[in-house]
Amino acid sequence: MRIRLVAVVGVLILLLAGGYLFVQRALGGDLVRTQIEQQLASRLGQPVHVGSAGTSILPQISVDLRDVTIGQPAAVQLSRVRLVTGLRGLFSRRIENAAIVVDKGRLAWPLPFSLGGTTAGGDSGSSVTVASVRQIQLRDVTLATALPPISIDLDASLSGDRLDVTKLSARSDRNRIDASGALTSLANLQGRFRSSGELTVAGYTARNLLTTIALTSGGVSLSPLSFAMFDGKFDGGLTVDLRGTRPRVQLKGGVARLDVAELLENTGSTGGVTGRLVGALSVASAGADGASLMRGARGTFHATIVDGTLPYIDIVRPVILAFGKPSGTTPSGSGSSFSSLAGSFTLADGVVKTDNLTLEARDFMARGSAVLNVDTAEVNSHLDLVLSQELTAQAGTDLRRYAEQNGHVILPATVSGTLTRPTVFVDTAAAMKRAAENELKRRANSLLNGLFKKKKSAHQPS
């Protein structure tokens, strides 16, 4: 029995050795490497170089290509490419329905050639011909764009010009997206993928990301797109144009219930405003990283912050002092709280502006303009304060007489400094000037009305 077992093992070893030599002779060597280079170069229209070509029979019969580069300069650099074939390909030297397995590599995107078609071609006298591919696997392949590099693992099946992706994992720094879907046209790079994951850009992390990804030859779009950020949610879409030297990004959509304190903390303006933000935005930018994208952002957005506070901005106290009543008692419930802070804003060069800011609080309503530097938190705001009846009652008699309109005193005010160190100035001189102008208008109207009544009485028959 032992002799028989040794004999069987010996036969198996001889078969494996013979098979390896046969495969090596059929599919290996410099001639195979040269033929594959020529076929790929003809198909892609780019110079192709294969460092070496060998064969393996375990676990499957395959052609092993090492150090493959495509393009000049090389847009594609692949450490190892295995063309997995079968016995039929072994005997005919024609690799059909092969599987391509790529281990480690780099792709510069966008590629300088089309990916359409699956036949590499070759004449009948070729040593080996790669006729068709049915499966593609990528492992640890880096996609290099103007954005930070992305490492990709992929499992896909190929049918004509269609690529069905059963698994796609993309990783970059702290980011990860898992997706599945299909490229309906590999030649035109058109397709859609359903994905989920987590993204971090310029220090901001989008969690529970869900989207449908549409690919084109020049970029990518994510729509619909939803993710959680700052304890709130975004719903909308994102497009990325990769055709220029710098990617161009556009973000459109709506936000719901964002925590403003957390948002400001991430921009370096800790504690300036609290509350929950809802709104809509349309912002575009260009840049190769998160910091440059933030600096170059431009766009518009409408925002409303509800149930918030301005911890460092107390408007009520300066109003009371402006009335000449330092010992005046602040109305109960006053302070930095507000029910609504809203406006339509523009963003450019790191500066946010609005000409229709409204602030509604217990003891006043404010309307006016504001400018905020996002990087430094510097603020410059010009407001008209409409005082509540309770606060109006504390105003001086002359001020109430002249500045009061419909039972409310209206005062001009400015807010300057930073969100955490603001200065509130109530311009009582401007208020008195406005009041005097209003009084002159009132008297002029009264005089005109009196003259009109006299003239009308003079023309009436006695």
Protein backbone atom coordinates (compact mmCIF):
# COMPACT_ATOMS: atom_id res chain seq x y z
CA MET A 1 0.00 0.00 0.00
CA ARG A 2 2.79 2.40 0.87
CA ILE A 3 4.53 1.67 -2.43
CA ARG A 4 1.28 2.34 -4.32
CA LEU A 5 0.71 5.60 -2.43
CA VAL A 6 4.23 6.76 -3.20
CA ALA A 7 3.70 5.83 -6.82
CA VAL A 8 0.43 7.81 -7.01
CA VAL A 9 2.07 10.85 -5.43
CA GLY A 10 4.96 10.53 -7.83
CA VAL A 11 2.62 10.38 -10.81
CA LEU A 12 0.75 13.46 -9.58
CA ILE A 13 4.00 15.36 -9.18
CA LEU A 14 5.06 14.37 -12.68
CA LEU A 15 1.66 15.42 -14.07
CA LEU A 16 1.84 18.79 -12.32
CA ALA A 17 5.41 19.32 -13.48
CA GLY A 18 4.53 18.29 -17.01
CA GLY A 19 1.44 20.46 -16.98
CA TYR A 20 3.43 23.42 -15.75
CA LEU A 21 6.04 22.95 -18.49
CA PHE A 22 3.32 22.61 -21.11
CA VAL A 23 1.49 25.71 -19.90
CA GLN A 24 4.75 27.61 -19.69
CA ARG A 25 5.57 26.66 -23.26
CA ALA A 26 2.06 27.37 -24.53
CA LEU A 27 1.33 30.62 -22.73
CA GLY A 28 4.54 31.89 -21.17
CA GLY A 29 7.66 33.59 -22.47
CA ASP A 30 8.67 36.77 -24.19
CA LEU A 31 6.66 36.02 -27.33
CA VAL A 32 3.43 35.96 -25.32
CA ARG A 33 4.42 39.19 -23.57
CA THR A 34 5.14 40.87 -26.90
CA GLN A 35 1.88 39.68 -28.47
CA ILE A 36 -0.18 40.93 -25.52
CA GLU A 37 1.58 44.30 -25.64
CA GLN A 38 0.80 44.62 -29.36
CA GLN A 39 -2.85 43.58 -28.97
CA LEU A 40 -3.52 45.98 -26.08
CA ALA A 41 -1.69 48.84 -27.79
CA SER A 42 -3.74 48.30 -30.96
CA ARG A 43 -6.99 48.15 -28.98
CA LEU A 44 -6.37 51.14 -26.70
CA GLY A 45 -4.40 53.37 -29.03
CA GLN A 46 -1.76 53.83 -26.33
CA PRO A 47 1.73 52.39 -25.85
CA VAL A 48 1.67 49.31 -23.59
CA HIS A 49 4.60 47.74 -21.77
CA VAL A 50 4.59 44.42 -19.89
CA GLY A 51 7.58 43.87 -17.62
CA SER A 52 7.34 40.08 -17.71
CA ALA A 53 4.90 37.32 -18.57
CA GLY A 54 4.66 33.93 -16.88
CA THR A 55 2.12 31.21 -16.21
CA SER A 56 0.57 29.37 -13.29
CA ILE A 57 -1.63 26.28 -13.08
CA LEU A 58 -2.79 26.60 -9.47
CA PRO A 59 -5.39 27.37 -8.38
CA GLN A 60 -6.33 28.01 -12.05
CA ILE A 61 -4.52 28.11 -15.36
CA SER A 62 -3.54 31.73 -15.97
CA VAL A 63 -1.16 34.09 -17.72
CA ASP A 64 0.73 36.17 -15.16
CA LEU A 65 1.70 39.69 -16.27
CA ARG A 66 3.96 41.83 -14.10
CA ASP A 67 4.63 45.58 -14.10
CA VAL A 68 2.10 46.57 -16.77
CA THR A 69 2.01 50.22 -17.89
CA ILE A 70 -0.30 51.91 -20.40
CA GLY A 71 0.20 55.37 -21.89
CA GLN A 72 3.09 57.79 -22.23
CA PRO A 73 3.43 59.07 -19.59
CA ALA A 74 1.92 56.03 -17.91
CA ALA A 75 -1.74 56.65 -16.99
CA VAL A 76 -2.09 53.03 -15.83
CA GLN A 77 0.46 51.21 -13.67
CA LEU A 78 -0.41 47.69 -12.56
CA SER A 79 1.85 45.52 -10.39
CA ARG A 80 0.26 42.19 -11.33
CA VAL A 81 -2.42 41.16 -13.82
CA ARG A 82 -3.64 37.59 -14.07
CA LEU A 83 -5.56 36.42 -17.17
CA VAL A 84 -7.37 33.32 -15.93
CA THR A 85 -8.23 30.92 -18.74
CA GLY A 86 -9.14 27.22 -19.05
CA LEU A 87 -7.91 24.11 -20.81
CA ARG A 88 -9.52 25.18 -24.06
CA GLY A 89 -7.54 28.41 -24.00
CA LEU A 90 -4.45 26.43 -23.12
CA PHE A 91 -4.65 24.24 -26.23
CA SER A 92 -5.96 26.87 -28.65
CA ARG A 93 -3.81 29.71 -27.30
CA ARG A 94 -6.94 31.82 -27.51
CA ILE A 95 -8.08 33.24 -24.16
CA GLU A 96 -11.88 33.49 -24.18
CA ASN A 97 -14.30 34.32 -21.36
CA ALA A 98 -11.28 35.02 -19.21
CA ALA A 99 -11.19 36.52 -15.76
CA ILE A 100 -8.89 39.48 -15.16
CA VAL A 101 -7.51 39.79 -11.63
CA VAL A 102 -5.51 42.94 -10.85
CA ASP A 103 -3.46 43.15 -7.65
CA LYS A 104 -2.18 46.61 -6.73
CA GLY A 105 -1.97 49.39 -9.23
CA ARG A 106 -2.66 53.02 -10.05
CA LEU A 107 -5.11 54.57 -12.54
CA ALA A 108 -4.88 58.27 -13.45
CA TRP A 109 -8.42 59.57 -14.02
CA PRO A 110 -9.79 60.46 -16.49
CA LEU A 111 -8.13 57.79 -18.61
CA PRO A 112 -6.63 58.84 -21.99
CA PHE A 113 -8.41 55.99 -23.78
CA SER A 114 -11.82 54.34 -24.02
CA LEU A 115 -12.68 51.24 -22.01
CA GLY A 116 -15.31 50.08 -24.49
CA GLY A 117 -15.21 46.65 -26.10
CA THR A 118 -13.83 43.46 -24.69
CA THR A 119 -11.87 41.98 -27.56
CA ALA A 120 -8.20 42.71 -27.77
CA GLY A 121 -7.93 41.16 -31.22
CA GLY A 122 -4.83 39.66 -32.80
CA ASP A 123 -4.03 37.79 -35.99
CA SER A 124 -4.25 34.04 -36.49
CA GLY A 125 -0.48 33.69 -36.34
CA SER A 126 -0.22 35.17 -32.88
CA SER A 127 1.27 33.10 -30.11
CA VAL A 128 -1.72 33.91 -27.90
CA THR A 129 -4.85 36.00 -28.39
CA VAL A 130 -6.99 37.59 -25.69
CA ALA A 131 -10.42 37.31 -27.28
CA SER A 132 -12.90 38.15 -24.51
CA VAL A 133 -13.23 38.82 -20.79
CA ARG A 134 -16.15 37.83 -18.57
CA GLN A 135 -15.03 38.79 -15.05
CA ILE A 136 -12.94 41.58 -13.57
CA GLN A 137 -11.49 41.81 -10.08
CA LEU A 138 -9.54 44.76 -8.72
CA ARG A 139 -7.70 44.59 -5.42
CA ASP A 140 -6.01 47.61 -3.86
CA VAL A 141 -6.04 49.71 -7.03
CA THR A 142 -5.58 53.45 -6.48
CA LEU A 143 -7.69 55.88 -8.50
CA ALA A 144 -5.72 59.13 -8.86
CA THR A 145 -7.70 62.27 -9.68
CA ALA A 146 -7.32 65.93 -8.74
CA LEU A 147 -9.01 64.90 -5.50
CA PRO A 148 -7.21 62.83 -2.83
CA PRO A 149 -6.34 59.28 -4.03
CA ILE A 150 -9.03 56.60 -3.70
CA SER A 151 -8.24 52.92 -3.11
CA ILE A 152 -10.67 50.56 -4.86
CA ASP A 153 -11.67 46.89 -4.58
CA LEU A 154 -14.12 45.66 -7.21
CA ASP A 155 -15.90 42.47 -8.29
CA ALA A 156 -17.69 42.70 -11.63
CA SER A 157 -18.91 40.74 -14.63
CA LEU A 158 -18.61 41.90 -18.22
CA SER A 159 -21.13 41.34 -21.01
CA GLY A 160 -20.39 43.22 -24.20
CA ASP A 161 -20.29 46.92 -23.28
CA ARG A 162 -22.06 46.40 -19.95
CA LEU A 163 -20.25 46.00 -16.62
CA ASP A 164 -22.31 44.67 -13.71
CA VAL A 165 -20.65 45.48 -10.40
CA THR A 166 -21.64 43.22 -7.53
CA LYS A 167 -19.25 44.82 -5.07
CA LEU A 168 -17.35 48.10 -5.04
CA SER A 169 -15.43 49.43 -2.06
CA ALA A 170 -13.77 52.86 -2.26
CA ARG A 171 -11.54 54.15 0.54
CA SER A 172 -9.67 57.40 1.11
CA ASP A 173 -8.25 58.53 4.47
CA ARG A 174 -11.19 58.25 6.87
CA ASN A 175 -13.70 57.88 4.05
CA ARG A 176 -15.36 54.71 2.81
CA ILE A 177 -18.16 54.06 0.33
CA ASP A 178 -19.62 50.65 -0.55
CA ALA A 179 -21.64 50.40 -3.73
CA SER A 180 -23.18 48.11 -6.31
CA GLY A 181 -24.72 48.77 -9.69
CA ALA A 182 -23.82 48.74 -13.37
CA LEU A 183 -22.08 50.65 -16.11
CA THR A 184 -24.63 50.32 -18.89
CA SER A 185 -22.00 51.59 -21.35
CA LEU A 186 -18.38 50.95 -20.52
CA ALA A 187 -17.25 52.84 -23.62
CA ASN A 188 -19.11 56.00 -22.59
CA LEU A 189 -18.66 55.43 -18.85
CA GLN A 190 -22.38 55.73 -18.22
CA GLY A 191 -23.97 53.94 -15.31
CA ARG A 192 -25.66 54.17 -11.94
CA PHE A 193 -24.72 52.79 -8.54
CA ARG A 194 -26.48 52.62 -5.21
CA SER A 195 -24.06 53.33 -2.39
CA SER A 196 -23.75 53.90 1.34
CA GLY A 197 -20.90 54.98 3.56
CA GLU A 198 -19.21 57.86 5.36
CA LEU A 199 -17.30 60.86 3.97
CA THR A 200 -15.10 63.44 5.67
CA VAL A 201 -14.32 66.67 3.80
CA ALA A 202 -12.33 69.54 5.36
CA GLY A 203 -12.95 68.04 8.79
CA TYR A 204 -16.72 67.68 8.30
CA THR A 205 -18.03 64.12 8.45
CA ALA A 206 -21.15 63.06 6.55
CA ARG A 207 -22.57 59.94 8.20
CA ASN A 208 -25.21 57.47 7.06
CA LEU A 209 -24.60 58.52 3.47
CA LEU A 210 -27.06 57.12 0.94
CA THR A 211 -26.98 58.01 -2.73
CA THR A 212 -27.28 56.92 -6.32
CA ILE A 213 -24.06 57.56 -8.25
CA ALA A 214 -24.15 58.35 -11.96
CA LEU A 215 -20.83 58.17 -13.85
CA THR A 216 -19.83 60.02 -17.01
CA SER A 217 -16.52 60.28 -18.83
CA GLY A 218 -15.92 63.71 -17.32
CA GLY A 219 -17.17 63.36 -13.78
CA VAL A 220 -19.70 61.97 -11.35
CA SER A 221 -23.03 63.00 -9.87
CA LEU A 222 -24.66 61.86 -6.63
CA SER A 223 -28.43 62.28 -6.77
CA PRO A 224 -30.51 61.79 -4.76
CA LEU A 225 -28.03 62.28 -1.92
CA SER A 226 -28.76 62.23 1.80
CA PHE A 227 -26.49 62.20 4.83
CA ALA A 228 -26.43 63.15 8.49
CA MET A 229 -24.22 66.00 9.70
CA PHE A 230 -24.16 68.25 12.77
CA ASP A 231 -27.04 66.28 14.29
CA GLY A 232 -29.21 67.20 11.30
CA LYS A 233 -29.80 65.98 7.76
CA PHE A 234 -29.06 67.03 4.20
CA ASP A 235 -31.13 65.99 1.17
CA GLY A 236 -30.17 67.03 -2.34
CA GLY A 237 -27.52 66.33 -4.95
CA LEU A 238 -23.81 66.72 -5.68
CA THR A 239 -21.99 66.93 -9.02
CA VAL A 240 -18.22 66.73 -9.56
CA ASP A 241 -16.61 67.78 -12.86
CA LEU A 242 -13.15 66.21 -13.26
CA ARG A 243 -12.30 67.51 -16.72
CA GLY A 244 -10.21 70.52 -15.60
CA THR A 245 -6.97 70.79 -13.67
CA ARG A 246 -9.06 71.28 -10.52
CA PRO A 247 -12.32 69.47 -9.81
CA ARG A 248 -15.43 71.63 -9.87
CA VAL A 249 -18.06 70.71 -7.30
CA GLN A 250 -21.67 71.86 -6.98
CA LEU A 251 -23.93 71.07 -4.04
CA LYS A 252 -27.68 71.74 -4.05
CA GLY A 253 -30.36 70.76 -1.57
CA GLY A 254 -31.97 71.39 1.76
CA VAL A 255 -30.86 71.02 5.37
CA ALA A 256 -33.05 70.18 8.34
CA ARG A 257 -32.50 70.70 12.08
CA LEU A 258 -28.72 71.22 11.99
CA ASP A 259 -27.16 71.99 15.37
CA VAL A 260 -25.77 75.50 14.83
CA ALA A 261 -23.48 75.34 17.88
CA GLU A 262 -21.81 72.18 16.51
CA LEU A 263 -21.58 73.73 13.05
CA LEU A 264 -19.85 76.86 14.35
CA GLU A 265 -17.55 74.82 16.57
CA ASN A 266 -16.21 73.13 13.46
CA THR A 267 -15.54 76.55 11.85
CA GLY A 268 -13.72 77.95 14.88
CA SER A 269 -16.56 80.20 16.13
CA THR A 270 -17.46 78.26 19.27
CA GLY A 271 -20.49 79.54 21.16
CA GLY A 272 -21.43 82.43 18.86
CA VAL A 273 -24.95 81.20 18.05
CA THR A 274 -27.09 78.27 19.14
CA GLY A 275 -30.29 76.84 17.74
CA ARG A 276 -31.52 74.58 14.96
CA LEU A 277 -31.08 75.50 11.31
CA VAL A 278 -33.33 74.70 8.37
CA GLY A 279 -32.87 76.00 4.85
CA ALA A 280 -31.93 75.50 1.22
CA LEU A 281 -28.60 76.07 -0.53
CA SER A 282 -26.84 76.09 -3.88
CA VAL A 283 -23.05 76.28 -3.56
CA ALA A 284 -20.25 75.68 -6.08
CA SER A 285 -16.48 75.55 -5.69
CA ALA A 286 -13.26 74.31 -7.27
CA GLY A 287 -10.29 72.74 -5.52
CA ALA A 288 -8.19 69.64 -5.02
CA ASP A 289 -8.81 69.25 -1.28
CA GLY A 290 -11.36 70.07 1.39
CA ALA A 291 -9.63 73.27 2.55
CA SER A 292 -9.42 74.78 -0.96
CA LEU A 293 -13.02 73.76 -1.68
CA MET A 294 -14.16 75.60 1.46
CA ARG A 295 -12.13 78.71 0.61
CA GLY A 296 -13.42 78.86 -2.93
CA ALA A 297 -17.08 78.18 -2.14
CA ARG A 298 -19.60 80.55 -3.73
CA GLY A 299 -23.35 80.45 -3.78
CA THR A 300 -26.61 81.37 -2.15
CA PHE A 301 -28.70 79.93 0.63
CA HIS A 302 -31.79 80.77 2.62
CA ALA A 303 -31.59 79.84 6.27
CA THR A 304 -33.72 80.06 9.38
CA ILE A 305 -32.42 79.34 12.87
CA VAL A 306 -35.15 78.64 15.40
CA ASP A 307 -35.23 78.50 19.20
CA GLY A 308 -31.70 79.80 19.58
CA THR A 309 -29.52 82.17 21.56
CA LEU A 310 -26.82 84.75 20.93
CA PRO A 311 -24.86 84.12 24.14
CA TYR A 312 -22.51 87.07 23.73
CA ILE A 313 -24.95 89.55 22.20
CA ASP A 314 -27.38 91.29 24.57
CA ILE A 315 -29.39 93.89 22.71
CA VAL A 316 -31.95 94.65 25.40
CA ARG A 317 -29.49 96.03 27.96
CA PRO A 318 -27.87 98.54 25.54
CA VAL A 319 -31.35 99.72 24.58
CA ILE A 320 -32.23 100.39 28.23
CA LEU A 321 -28.92 102.23 28.74
CA ALA A 322 -29.58 104.26 25.59
CA PHE A 323 -32.75 105.55 27.22
CA GLY A 324 -30.62 107.07 29.99
CA LYS A 325 -31.81 104.57 32.59
CA PRO A 326 -28.77 102.63 33.79
CA SER A 327 -30.81 101.37 36.71
CA GLY A 328 -33.66 100.31 34.51
CA THR A 329 -34.89 96.80 35.08
CA THR A 330 -34.54 94.41 32.19
CA PRO A 331 -37.98 92.95 31.35
CA SER A 332 -38.50 89.48 32.73
CA GLY A 333 -37.54 86.82 30.19
CA SER A 334 -35.26 89.10 28.16
CA GLY A 335 -31.70 88.29 27.20
CA SER A 336 -29.96 86.65 24.29
CA SER A 337 -32.73 84.21 23.35
CA PHE A 338 -34.57 84.48 20.05
CA SER A 339 -37.36 82.57 18.37
CA SER A 340 -36.18 83.06 14.78
CA LEU A 341 -33.12 84.34 12.91
CA ALA A 342 -33.57 84.24 9.14
CA GLY A 343 -32.37 85.67 5.86
CA SER A 344 -31.28 85.08 2.29
CA PHE A 345 -27.49 84.93 2.15
CA THR A 346 -24.67 85.00 -0.39
CA LEU A 347 -21.31 83.29 0.14
CA ALA A 348 -18.10 84.33 -1.62
CA ASP A 349 -14.43 84.50 -0.62
CA GLY A 350 -15.23 83.21 2.86
CA VAL A 351 -17.70 86.02 3.55
CA VAL A 352 -21.44 85.62 4.18
CA LYS A 353 -23.71 88.59 3.42
CA THR A 354 -27.41 89.35 3.69
CA ASP A 355 -29.56 92.44 3.17
CA ASN A 356 -32.76 91.00 4.60
CA LEU A 357 -31.80 89.67 8.00
CA THR A 358 -34.68 89.33 10.46
CA LEU A 359 -34.33 88.53 14.15
CA GLU A 360 -37.40 87.92 16.29
CA ALA A 361 -37.02 87.91 20.08
CA ARG A 362 -39.26 88.43 23.09
CA ASP A 363 -38.63 92.17 23.45
CA PHE A 364 -37.78 93.30 19.93
CA MET A 365 -37.71 92.52 16.25
CA ALA A 366 -34.63 93.42 14.19
CA ARG A 367 -34.39 93.94 10.44
CA GLY A 368 -31.35 94.91 8.39
CA SER A 369 -28.07 93.76 6.85
CA ALA A 370 -25.16 91.67 8.11
CA VAL A 371 -21.68 90.62 6.97
CA LEU A 372 -19.87 87.66 8.57
CA ASN A 373 -16.30 86.51 7.89
CA VAL A 374 -16.39 82.73 8.20
CA ASP A 375 -12.69 82.37 9.04
CA THR A 376 -12.39 85.14 11.66
CA ALA A 377 -16.02 85.26 12.89
CA GLU A 378 -15.95 89.06 12.43
CA VAL A 379 -19.44 90.51 12.14
CA ASN A 380 -20.74 93.86 10.93
CA SER A 381 -24.48 94.36 11.13
CA HIS A 382 -26.79 97.36 10.73
CA LEU A 383 -30.25 96.84 12.17
CA ASP A 384 -33.49 98.62 12.88
CA LEU A 385 -34.81 97.52 16.28
CA VAL A 386 -38.58 97.48 16.70
CA LEU A 387 -39.12 97.43 20.45
CA SER A 388 -41.89 95.53 22.19
CA GLN A 389 -44.58 97.50 24.00
CA GLU A 390 -43.07 96.52 27.35
CA LEU A 391 -39.64 97.80 26.36
CA THR A 392 -41.15 100.84 24.66
CA ALA A 393 -42.77 101.78 27.98
CA GLN A 394 -39.28 102.27 29.46
CA ALA A 395 -38.29 104.79 26.78
CA GLY A 396 -38.17 108.49 27.52
CA THR A 397 -41.27 110.58 26.82
CA ASP A 398 -39.70 112.55 23.95
CA LEU A 399 -38.33 109.45 22.30
CA ARG A 400 -41.69 107.72 22.54
CA ARG A 401 -43.45 110.81 21.23
CA TYR A 402 -41.32 111.17 18.14
CA ALA A 403 -39.89 107.72 17.42
CA GLU A 404 -42.92 105.64 18.30
CA GLN A 405 -44.84 104.12 15.41
CA ASN A 406 -47.96 102.04 15.99
CA GLY A 407 -47.10 101.70 19.67
CA HIS A 408 -43.46 100.67 19.10
CA VAL A 409 -40.16 102.56 19.21
CA ILE A 410 -37.84 101.92 16.24
CA LEU A 411 -34.12 102.36 16.93
CA PRO A 412 -31.11 101.99 14.59
CA ALA A 413 -28.31 99.84 15.98
CA THR A 414 -25.03 98.27 14.91
CA VAL A 415 -23.32 95.02 15.95
CA SER A 416 -19.55 94.84 15.34
CA GLY A 417 -16.57 92.84 16.55
CA THR A 418 -16.80 89.05 16.53
CA LEU A 419 -19.55 86.59 17.38
CA THR A 420 -17.87 85.84 20.71
CA ARG A 421 -16.80 89.44 21.44
CA PRO A 422 -19.43 91.68 19.92
CA THR A 423 -20.16 95.35 20.53
CA VAL A 424 -23.77 96.53 20.35
CA PHE A 425 -24.30 100.25 19.75
CA VAL A 426 -27.75 101.85 19.79
CA ASP A 427 -27.68 105.11 17.81
CA THR A 428 -30.08 107.31 19.77
CA ALA A 429 -28.90 110.39 17.86
CA ALA A 430 -29.94 108.80 14.58
CA ALA A 431 -33.20 107.76 16.22
CA MET A 432 -33.88 111.34 17.34
CA LYS A 433 -32.98 112.64 13.88
CA ARG A 434 -35.37 110.18 12.32
CA ALA A 435 -37.96 111.10 14.90
CA ALA A 436 -37.51 114.80 14.11
CA GLU A 437 -37.91 114.10 10.40
CA ASN A 438 -41.03 112.09 11.14
CA GLU A 439 -42.36 114.97 13.26
CA LEU A 440 -41.71 117.48 10.48
CA LYS A 441 -43.50 115.24 8.03
CA ARG A 442 -46.37 114.85 10.50
CA ARG A 443 -46.68 118.63 10.97
CA ALA A 444 -46.39 119.27 7.22
CA ASN A 445 -49.14 116.74 6.54
CA SER A 446 -51.23 118.28 9.29
CA LEU A 447 -50.74 121.76 7.80
CA LEU A 448 -51.61 120.59 4.31
CA ASN A 449 -54.69 118.80 5.61
CA GLY A 450 -55.73 121.98 7.43
CA LEU A 451 -55.27 124.12 4.31
CA PHE A 452 -57.20 121.61 2.23
CA LYS A 453 -60.09 121.66 4.69
CA LYS A 454 -60.15 125.52 4.69
CA LYS A 455 -60.09 125.62 0.90
CA LYS A 456 -62.87 123.08 0.72
CA SER A 457 -64.97 125.06 3.24
CA ALA A 458 -64.45 128.31 1.27
CA HIS A 459 -65.91 126.76 -1.89
CA GLN A 460 -68.95 125.34 -0.16
CA PRO A 461 -72.19 127.42 -0.70
CA SER A 462 -73.40 129.36 2.30
